[in-house]
């Protein structure tokens, strides 16, 4: 079982990672990888997928540690939100294979989590903090909270596994979150505190998810609260059985740290070159990044840092025939993670949509890209399906008029696209246009 009594310095470790100190990421790996692998294995029931999730998480952490800011929320919450994001993506990408090989997974998961709940109560050590407050709740809300955290499914499917109506399941979730929020006492005031916690647990409907994402867009406090919840929920992992680490996992992480090219490394790469005019432009980038990040939700902070890095490249290496006018860096909602797609719009209104990661989608699913010029009016417009990892070019008549702040989203839809003209599946990636022409 995991029960780490020592206080690991996550903030200090992330800062060291951001400075390129590989000993720091190795320290984080030794301290947290067993627990992270245990969480991933508990969800997948498959060691291969679990190791993939942990590997991707550590590479993302390494590549983006320099974007972390303590004011955004707890470092541990930031780290585990990245892990759970990669778990969710892998689960969606390999849903059919996982279900085919683990037909009894759901019932086994409920049984295992019931035993986990019993272990927490049976522990001889006196509980304090999170576990003590959790035990103050009736057993049913406890069960709902634990099962939802360890599930990659929707609330409705998790409620079904517990033989519980969805309405009662949601009542139990909110009852538990309200109690924990009051007892834990380290949340800044927000009227939607419990709804944000529900979002972090996962499984919200598309409409509810979009409501919370809108909160993040309007209020940076909401994004900080999400990381506080993520940090607290890691206490669920204390009672998981240990999952041994195979040497191949660390070897794979080291290999990908050295060889994976991501937008997150652009600024570091540029700083290695002695170019005239760099100092002034670098100051402009930092100023723009700071100004924009004050008004955007957590998942956009890293995206805008990356976008301003791209801005520097556009200024240094402009193309007279194809000058970039606007850029949007699309990453996962609610996560401070690696960029997935980059949208570039040139002076002629032609958009290029380029993948930054490899994305494998099941045959019965496809990604669909959307844009919204006015999020308040819910005016979604589909720009077409994405089935491969090829670069997509959209002519001006298809893209339409665009403006700074315009939202682009990529959703997961059934083959043939959304039947409603709006996203019906999960929002995988999203980002807003930044004007880089001035």
Protein backbone atom coordinates (compact mmCIF):
# COMPACT_ATOMS: atom_id res chain seq x y z
CA UNK A 1 0.00 0.00 0.00
CA UNK A 2 1.05 3.58 -0.59
CA UNK A 3 1.20 5.71 2.53
CA UNK A 4 3.86 8.36 2.08
CA UNK A 5 4.34 10.17 5.35
CA UNK A 6 7.23 12.30 4.10
CA UNK A 7 6.46 15.56 2.37
CA UNK A 8 7.72 15.50 -1.20
CA UNK A 9 8.48 18.96 -2.62
CA UNK A 10 6.44 18.88 -5.82
CA UNK A 11 6.70 22.61 -6.55
CA UNK A 12 10.48 22.62 -6.13
CA UNK A 13 10.80 19.49 -8.27
CA UNK A 14 8.70 20.97 -11.09
CA UNK A 15 10.77 24.15 -11.08
CA UNK A 16 13.94 22.06 -11.36
CA UNK A 17 12.40 20.10 -14.24
CA UNK A 18 11.53 23.38 -15.91
CA UNK A 19 15.22 24.32 -15.74
CA UNK A 20 16.17 21.08 -17.48
CA UNK A 21 17.49 19.21 -14.43
CA UNK A 22 16.99 15.56 -15.34
CA UNK A 23 17.74 14.45 -11.79
CA UNK A 24 14.49 16.19 -10.78
CA UNK A 25 12.28 14.21 -13.18
CA UNK A 26 14.05 11.04 -12.05
CA UNK A 27 13.33 11.96 -8.43
CA UNK A 28 9.65 12.48 -9.28
CA UNK A 29 9.62 9.15 -11.11
CA UNK A 30 11.06 7.27 -8.13
CA UNK A 31 8.61 8.91 -5.75
CA UNK A 32 5.37 8.83 -7.75
CA UNK A 33 5.65 6.44 -10.70
CA UNK A 34 4.65 3.35 -8.64
CA UNK A 35 1.50 5.15 -7.50
CA UNK A 36 0.78 6.55 -10.95
CA UNK A 37 1.19 3.11 -12.53
CA UNK A 38 -1.10 1.61 -9.89
CA UNK A 39 -3.81 4.16 -10.74
CA UNK A 40 -3.49 3.54 -14.48
CA UNK A 41 -3.47 -0.23 -14.02
CA UNK A 42 -6.53 -0.04 -11.77
CA UNK A 43 -8.44 1.70 -14.56
CA UNK A 44 -7.16 -0.26 -17.57
CA UNK A 45 -6.55 -3.68 -16.00
CA UNK A 46 -3.80 -3.86 -18.61
CA UNK A 47 -0.13 -3.23 -17.81
CA UNK A 48 0.80 -2.22 -21.35
CA UNK A 49 -1.77 0.60 -21.49
CA UNK A 50 -0.93 1.61 -17.91
CA UNK A 51 2.77 1.96 -18.76
CA UNK A 52 1.92 3.96 -21.90
CA UNK A 53 -0.12 6.42 -19.82
CA UNK A 54 2.66 6.88 -17.26
CA UNK A 55 5.29 7.25 -19.98
CA UNK A 56 3.26 9.93 -21.80
CA UNK A 57 2.56 11.73 -18.54
CA UNK A 58 6.24 11.98 -17.58
CA UNK A 59 7.26 13.18 -21.04
CA UNK A 60 4.50 15.82 -20.93
CA UNK A 61 5.56 16.90 -17.44
CA UNK A 62 9.19 17.19 -18.54
CA UNK A 63 8.39 19.16 -21.68
CA UNK A 64 5.96 21.55 -19.97
CA UNK A 65 7.28 21.93 -16.42
CA UNK A 66 8.56 25.41 -17.28
CA UNK A 67 4.94 26.55 -17.83
CA UNK A 68 3.84 25.62 -14.29
CA UNK A 69 3.14 28.50 -11.92
CA UNK A 70 2.40 27.98 -8.24
CA UNK A 71 -0.40 30.53 -8.45
CA UNK A 72 -2.25 28.18 -10.80
CA UNK A 73 -2.74 25.58 -8.04
CA UNK A 74 -0.95 22.68 -6.29
CA UNK A 75 1.90 21.10 -8.24
CA UNK A 76 0.77 17.59 -7.34
CA UNK A 77 -2.68 18.34 -8.73
CA UNK A 78 -1.03 19.63 -11.92
CA UNK A 79 1.01 16.44 -12.25
CA UNK A 80 -1.87 14.03 -11.66
CA UNK A 81 -4.23 15.97 -13.91
CA UNK A 82 -1.73 15.30 -16.72
CA UNK A 83 -1.63 11.60 -15.86
CA UNK A 84 -5.42 11.29 -15.75
CA UNK A 85 -5.70 13.17 -19.03
CA UNK A 86 -3.43 10.63 -20.74
CA UNK A 87 -5.34 7.76 -19.12
CA UNK A 88 -8.57 9.18 -20.54
CA UNK A 89 -7.14 9.65 -24.03
CA UNK A 90 -5.69 6.13 -24.13
CA UNK A 91 -8.97 4.70 -22.87
CA UNK A 92 -10.93 6.43 -25.63
CA UNK A 93 -8.39 5.53 -28.31
CA UNK A 94 -8.38 1.85 -27.37
CA UNK A 95 -11.92 1.46 -26.06
CA UNK A 96 -12.86 -1.53 -28.20
CA UNK A 97 -9.65 -3.43 -27.48
CA UNK A 98 -9.94 -2.78 -23.76
CA UNK A 99 -13.55 -3.91 -23.66
CA UNK A 100 -12.85 -6.98 -25.79
CA UNK A 101 -10.03 -8.22 -23.56
CA UNK A 102 -11.60 -7.17 -20.26
CA UNK A 103 -15.24 -8.17 -20.54
CA UNK A 104 -15.53 -8.63 -16.79
CA UNK A 105 -13.63 -5.47 -15.96
CA UNK A 106 -16.54 -3.36 -14.75
CA UNK A 107 -17.93 -5.81 -12.21
CA UNK A 108 -14.42 -6.64 -11.06
CA UNK A 109 -13.64 -2.93 -10.67
CA UNK A 110 -16.67 -2.32 -8.46
CA UNK A 111 -15.74 -5.32 -6.31
CA UNK A 112 -12.12 -4.15 -6.05
CA UNK A 113 -13.11 -0.63 -5.11
CA UNK A 114 -15.49 -1.95 -2.47
CA UNK A 115 -12.52 -3.79 -0.98
CA UNK A 116 -10.46 -0.61 -1.25
CA UNK A 117 -13.13 1.28 0.67
CA UNK A 118 -13.15 -1.47 3.30
CA UNK A 119 -9.35 -1.29 3.58
CA UNK A 120 -9.55 2.42 4.36
CA UNK A 121 -11.98 1.73 7.20
CA UNK A 122 -10.06 -1.31 8.48
CA UNK A 123 -6.71 0.47 8.68
CA UNK A 124 -5.36 0.50 12.23
CA UNK A 125 -3.65 3.84 11.76
CA UNK A 126 -5.75 6.79 12.89
CA UNK A 127 -6.97 8.73 9.89
CA UNK A 128 -6.51 12.45 9.61
CA UNK A 129 -7.29 14.99 6.92
CA UNK A 130 -8.92 13.72 3.75
CA UNK A 131 -9.54 10.12 4.87
CA UNK A 132 -10.95 11.21 8.23
CA UNK A 133 -13.39 13.58 6.51
CA UNK A 134 -14.28 10.89 3.97
CA UNK A 135 -15.16 8.46 6.76
CA UNK A 136 -17.59 11.00 8.22
CA UNK A 137 -19.79 10.50 5.17
CA UNK A 138 -22.37 7.70 4.84
CA UNK A 139 -21.05 4.67 2.96
CA UNK A 140 -23.09 5.33 -0.17
CA UNK A 141 -21.58 8.77 -0.98
CA UNK A 142 -18.14 7.35 -0.20
CA UNK A 143 -18.72 4.54 -2.69
CA UNK A 144 -19.93 6.93 -5.38
CA UNK A 145 -16.91 9.20 -5.00
CA UNK A 146 -14.39 6.34 -5.06
CA UNK A 147 -15.97 4.55 -8.01
CA UNK A 148 -16.24 7.73 -10.07
CA UNK A 149 -12.60 8.64 -9.49
CA UNK A 150 -11.40 5.23 -10.67
CA UNK A 151 -13.77 5.08 -13.63
CA UNK A 152 -13.10 6.26 -17.19
CA UNK A 153 -16.79 6.10 -18.05
CA UNK A 154 -19.72 8.48 -17.81
CA UNK A 155 -21.60 9.09 -14.57
CA UNK A 156 -24.59 7.20 -15.95
CA UNK A 157 -22.57 4.03 -16.61
CA UNK A 158 -20.89 4.20 -13.20
CA UNK A 159 -24.28 4.65 -11.53
CA UNK A 160 -25.56 1.59 -13.42
CA UNK A 161 -22.63 -0.48 -12.17
CA UNK A 162 -23.60 0.48 -8.62
CA UNK A 163 -27.28 -0.36 -9.31
CA UNK A 164 -28.19 3.22 -8.52
CA UNK A 165 -30.41 5.72 -10.38
CA UNK A 166 -28.37 8.51 -11.94
CA UNK A 167 -30.20 11.21 -9.96
CA UNK A 168 -29.37 9.53 -6.66
CA UNK A 169 -25.79 8.94 -7.79
CA UNK A 170 -25.32 12.65 -8.56
CA UNK A 171 -26.90 13.62 -5.24
CA UNK A 172 -24.40 11.39 -3.45
CA UNK A 173 -21.50 12.87 -5.40
CA UNK A 174 -22.52 16.45 -4.58
CA UNK A 175 -23.21 15.58 -0.95
CA UNK A 176 -19.73 14.11 -0.64
CA UNK A 177 -18.02 17.01 -2.40
CA UNK A 178 -19.91 19.59 -0.34
CA UNK A 179 -18.83 17.85 2.88
CA UNK A 180 -15.20 17.50 1.81
CA UNK A 181 -15.03 21.09 0.60
CA UNK A 182 -16.29 22.39 3.93
CA UNK A 183 -14.02 20.17 6.01
CA UNK A 184 -10.82 20.54 3.97
CA UNK A 185 -11.11 24.30 4.12
CA UNK A 186 -8.38 25.28 1.64
CA UNK A 187 -10.61 26.25 -1.28
CA UNK A 188 -11.05 29.88 -2.33
CA UNK A 189 -14.73 30.78 -2.36
CA UNK A 190 -16.56 29.89 -5.54
CA UNK A 191 -20.27 29.30 -5.95
CA UNK A 192 -19.57 26.32 -8.26
CA UNK A 193 -16.92 24.67 -6.09
CA UNK A 194 -18.70 21.31 -5.98
CA UNK A 195 -19.47 21.35 -9.71
CA UNK A 196 -15.76 21.89 -10.41
CA UNK A 197 -14.96 18.95 -8.14
CA UNK A 198 -17.52 16.89 -10.05
CA UNK A 199 -15.77 17.85 -13.29
CA UNK A 200 -12.40 16.72 -11.90
CA UNK A 201 -13.87 13.37 -10.84
CA UNK A 202 -14.92 12.94 -14.48
CA UNK A 203 -17.92 11.55 -16.32
CA UNK A 204 -19.99 14.73 -16.77
CA UNK A 205 -22.30 15.05 -19.75
CA UNK A 206 -21.18 17.21 -22.65
CA UNK A 207 -23.42 20.09 -21.61
CA UNK A 208 -22.21 20.03 -17.99
CA UNK A 209 -18.61 19.78 -19.11
CA UNK A 210 -18.97 22.80 -21.37
CA UNK A 211 -20.51 24.75 -18.49
CA UNK A 212 -17.46 24.11 -16.30
CA UNK A 213 -15.07 24.92 -19.14
CA UNK A 214 -16.86 28.23 -19.53
CA UNK A 215 -16.23 28.85 -15.82
CA UNK A 216 -12.52 28.27 -16.40
CA UNK A 217 -12.64 30.72 -19.28
CA UNK A 218 -14.25 33.43 -17.16
CA UNK A 219 -12.49 32.94 -13.83
CA UNK A 220 -8.93 31.81 -13.13
CA UNK A 221 -9.99 30.91 -9.56
CA UNK A 222 -12.15 28.11 -10.96
CA UNK A 223 -9.12 26.57 -12.68
CA UNK A 224 -7.11 26.77 -9.45
CA UNK A 225 -9.93 25.03 -7.58
CA UNK A 226 -9.78 22.20 -10.13
CA UNK A 227 -6.13 21.54 -9.27
CA UNK A 228 -6.90 21.70 -5.53
CA UNK A 229 -9.55 19.00 -6.00
CA UNK A 230 -7.13 16.95 -8.11
CA UNK A 231 -4.55 17.21 -5.35
CA UNK A 232 -7.00 16.05 -2.67
CA UNK A 233 -8.29 13.14 -4.76
CA UNK A 234 -4.79 11.64 -4.91
CA UNK A 235 -5.42 10.49 -1.33
CA UNK A 236 -7.61 7.77 -2.84
CA UNK A 237 -4.41 6.20 -4.13
CA UNK A 238 -2.90 5.62 -0.67
CA UNK A 239 -4.53 2.21 -0.27
CA UNK A 240 -3.85 0.85 -3.76
CA UNK A 241 -1.67 -2.27 -3.93
CA UNK A 242 1.82 -1.51 -5.15
CA UNK A 243 2.55 -2.01 -8.83
CA UNK A 244 6.22 -2.94 -9.48
CA UNK A 245 8.04 -0.81 -12.03
CA UNK A 246 9.75 -2.58 -14.92
CA UNK A 247 13.11 -1.04 -15.97
CA UNK A 248 11.74 -0.68 -19.52
CA UNK A 249 9.36 2.04 -18.33
CA UNK A 250 12.08 4.45 -17.22
CA UNK A 251 14.15 3.58 -20.30
CA UNK A 252 11.20 4.43 -22.52
CA UNK A 253 10.61 7.73 -20.69
CA UNK A 254 14.27 8.72 -21.06
CA UNK A 255 14.22 7.85 -24.75
CA UNK A 256 11.11 9.92 -25.41
CA UNK A 257 12.40 12.84 -23.34
CA UNK A 258 15.40 13.01 -25.63
CA UNK A 259 13.73 12.35 -28.95
CA UNK A 260 10.16 13.66 -28.81
CA UNK A 261 9.94 17.06 -30.51
CA UNK A 262 7.20 19.24 -29.10
CA UNK A 263 6.24 22.88 -29.41
CA UNK A 264 6.93 23.20 -25.68
CA UNK A 265 10.66 23.18 -26.40
CA UNK A 266 10.66 25.94 -29.02
CA UNK A 267 11.66 28.78 -26.70
CA UNK A 268 14.54 26.78 -25.23
CA UNK A 269 15.76 25.87 -28.71
CA UNK A 270 15.62 29.48 -29.88
CA UNK A 271 17.47 30.72 -26.80
CA UNK A 272 20.46 28.59 -27.79
CA UNK A 273 20.99 30.74 -30.90
CA UNK A 274 22.57 34.17 -30.92
CA UNK A 275 20.23 36.21 -33.07
CA UNK A 276 20.16 39.96 -33.39
CA UNK A 277 17.05 41.53 -31.95
CA UNK A 278 16.27 38.49 -29.80
CA UNK A 279 16.24 40.29 -26.43
CA UNK A 280 13.56 42.78 -27.38
CA UNK A 281 11.39 40.17 -29.04
CA UNK A 282 11.78 37.79 -26.11
CA UNK A 283 10.62 40.55 -23.78
CA UNK A 284 7.63 41.15 -26.05
CA UNK A 285 6.77 37.45 -25.97
CA UNK A 286 6.93 37.31 -22.17
CA UNK A 287 4.87 40.49 -21.85
CA UNK A 288 2.19 39.21 -24.22
CA UNK A 289 2.10 35.83 -22.51
CA UNK A 290 1.68 37.42 -19.09
CA UNK A 291 -1.01 39.81 -20.28
CA UNK A 292 -3.05 37.09 -21.99
CA UNK A 293 -2.68 34.46 -19.28
CA UNK A 294 -4.27 36.72 -16.68
CA UNK A 295 -7.65 36.34 -18.39
CA UNK A 296 -7.66 32.74 -19.64
CA UNK A 297 -8.42 29.44 -17.96
CA UNK A 298 -5.76 26.99 -16.85
CA UNK A 299 -5.71 24.78 -19.94
CA UNK A 300 -5.03 27.87 -22.07
CA UNK A 301 -2.08 29.17 -20.07
CA UNK A 302 0.41 26.69 -21.50
CA UNK A 303 -1.20 26.98 -24.94
CA UNK A 304 -0.68 30.73 -25.02
CA UNK A 305 2.92 30.41 -23.88
CA UNK A 306 3.43 28.03 -26.78
CA UNK A 307 1.55 30.32 -29.13
CA UNK A 308 3.78 33.23 -28.22
CA UNK A 309 6.79 31.00 -28.83
CA UNK A 310 5.38 30.37 -32.30
CA UNK A 311 4.89 34.11 -32.60
CA UNK A 312 8.65 34.52 -32.22
CA UNK A 313 9.29 32.07 -35.05
CA UNK A 314 6.82 33.91 -37.24
CA UNK A 315 8.61 37.20 -36.60
CA UNK A 316 12.11 35.82 -37.14
CA UNK A 317 11.27 33.69 -40.17
CA UNK A 318 8.36 35.40 -41.92
CA UNK A 319 7.18 34.14 -45.27
CA UNK A 320 6.35 36.98 -47.61
CA UNK A 321 3.83 34.84 -49.50
CA UNK A 322 2.20 33.10 -46.54
CA UNK A 323 2.45 35.34 -43.47
CA UNK A 324 0.76 33.87 -40.40
CA UNK A 325 -1.89 36.19 -39.02
CA UNK A 326 -3.41 34.16 -36.17
CA UNK A 327 -2.48 31.03 -34.24
CA UNK A 328 -4.44 28.72 -31.93
CA UNK A 329 -2.73 25.94 -29.99
CA UNK A 330 -5.22 23.19 -29.13
CA UNK A 331 -4.68 21.12 -25.99
CA UNK A 332 -6.83 19.07 -23.67
CA UNK A 333 -9.59 20.92 -21.74
CA UNK A 334 -8.90 21.40 -18.06
CA UNK A 335 -5.36 20.14 -18.39
CA UNK A 336 -2.03 21.90 -18.56
CA UNK A 337 -0.66 19.48 -21.12
CA UNK A 338 1.24 19.19 -24.34
CA UNK A 339 -0.14 20.80 -27.50
CA UNK A 340 -2.07 18.40 -29.72
CA UNK A 341 -2.99 20.50 -32.79
CA UNK A 342 -1.93 23.90 -34.07
CA UNK A 343 -4.22 26.08 -36.20
CA UNK A 344 -2.50 28.77 -38.29
CA UNK A 345 -4.45 31.30 -40.35
CA UNK A 346 -2.51 33.30 -42.94
CA UNK A 347 -3.11 36.76 -44.35
CA UNK A 348 -5.31 35.35 -47.12
CA UNK A 349 -7.64 33.62 -44.64
CA UNK A 350 -6.35 30.10 -45.40
CA UNK A 351 -6.11 27.86 -42.34
CA UNK A 352 -3.59 25.07 -41.82
CA UNK A 353 -4.43 22.57 -39.08
CA UNK A 354 -1.41 20.53 -38.08
CA UNK A 355 -1.22 17.60 -35.61
CA UNK A 356 1.53 17.70 -32.97
CA UNK A 357 0.84 14.21 -31.59
CA UNK A 358 -0.03 10.80 -33.05
CA UNK A 359 -3.73 10.03 -32.63
CA UNK A 360 -5.18 6.56 -33.24
CA UNK A 361 -8.97 6.46 -33.54
CA UNK A 362 -11.15 3.33 -33.71
CA UNK A 363 -12.83 2.59 -37.06
CA UNK A 364 -16.29 3.43 -35.71
CA UNK A 365 -15.20 6.84 -34.42
CA UNK A 366 -13.73 10.00 -35.88
CA UNK A 367 -12.59 13.39 -34.71
CA UNK A 368 -14.50 16.44 -35.85
CA UNK A 369 -13.19 20.01 -35.70
CA UNK A 370 -15.48 22.89 -34.74
CA UNK A 371 -15.26 26.62 -34.40
CA UNK A 372 -17.28 29.17 -32.43
CA UNK A 373 -16.97 32.88 -33.07
CA UNK A 374 -19.36 33.66 -30.23
CA UNK A 375 -19.42 31.09 -27.40
CA UNK A 376 -22.34 32.89 -25.77
CA UNK A 377 -24.62 32.07 -28.71
CA UNK A 378 -23.52 28.44 -28.87
CA UNK A 379 -23.04 28.84 -32.65
CA UNK A 380 -21.01 25.74 -33.42
CA UNK A 381 -19.85 25.30 -37.00
CA UNK A 382 -18.26 22.06 -38.18
CA UNK A 383 -15.09 22.34 -40.25
CA UNK A 384 -15.07 18.67 -41.13
CA UNK A 385 -13.93 15.27 -39.90
CA UNK A 386 -10.36 14.30 -39.02
CA UNK A 387 -9.49 10.65 -39.50
CA UNK A 388 -5.74 10.75 -40.04
CA UNK A 389 -2.75 12.61 -38.65
CA UNK A 390 -2.20 14.53 -41.89
CA UNK A 391 -2.05 18.32 -42.15
CA UNK A 392 -5.43 19.83 -43.10
CA UNK A 393 -5.81 22.97 -45.21
CA UNK A 394 -9.08 24.93 -45.18
CA UNK A 395 -9.85 27.57 -47.83
CA UNK A 396 -11.23 30.96 -46.72
CA UNK A 397 -14.75 30.15 -47.90
CA UNK A 398 -14.85 27.09 -45.66
CA UNK A 399 -13.16 28.72 -42.66
CA UNK A 400 -15.17 31.92 -42.81
CA UNK A 401 -14.23 35.14 -41.04
CA UNK A 402 -12.11 34.68 -37.93
CA UNK A 403 -11.15 36.96 -35.07
CA UNK A 404 -8.84 36.88 -32.03
CA UNK A 405 -10.25 34.78 -29.22
CA UNK A 406 -12.27 32.58 -31.60
CA UNK A 407 -12.64 29.08 -30.20
CA UNK A 408 -11.57 25.92 -32.02
CA UNK A 409 -12.47 22.48 -30.64
CA UNK A 410 -11.93 18.87 -31.69
CA UNK A 411 -14.54 16.38 -30.47
CA UNK A 412 -14.78 12.60 -30.64
CA UNK A 413 -17.80 11.61 -32.72
CA UNK A 414 -19.31 8.46 -34.29
CA UNK A 415 -18.26 7.64 -37.85
CA UNK A 416 -19.99 10.07 -40.20
CA UNK A 417 -19.75 12.97 -37.77
CA UNK A 418 -22.08 14.54 -35.24
CA UNK A 419 -25.76 14.04 -36.13
CA UNK A 420 -26.83 17.25 -34.39
CA UNK A 421 -24.58 19.92 -35.88
CA UNK A 422 -22.93 20.36 -32.48
CA UNK A 423 -20.36 18.31 -30.55
CA UNK A 424 -22.03 15.24 -29.05
CA UNK A 425 -18.94 13.42 -27.81
CA UNK A 426 -16.11 14.44 -25.53
CA UNK A 427 -14.09 17.54 -26.33
CA UNK A 428 -10.56 16.22 -26.84
CA UNK A 429 -8.73 19.46 -27.61
CA UNK A 430 -9.47 23.16 -27.78
CA UNK A 431 -7.79 26.52 -28.09
CA UNK A 432 -8.40 30.14 -29.03
CA UNK A 433 -6.90 32.23 -31.81
CA UNK A 434 -4.17 34.71 -30.89
CA UNK A 435 -3.43 37.61 -33.24
CA UNK A 436 0.30 37.54 -34.10
CA UNK A 437 0.24 40.04 -36.97
CA UNK A 438 1.02 43.19 -35.00
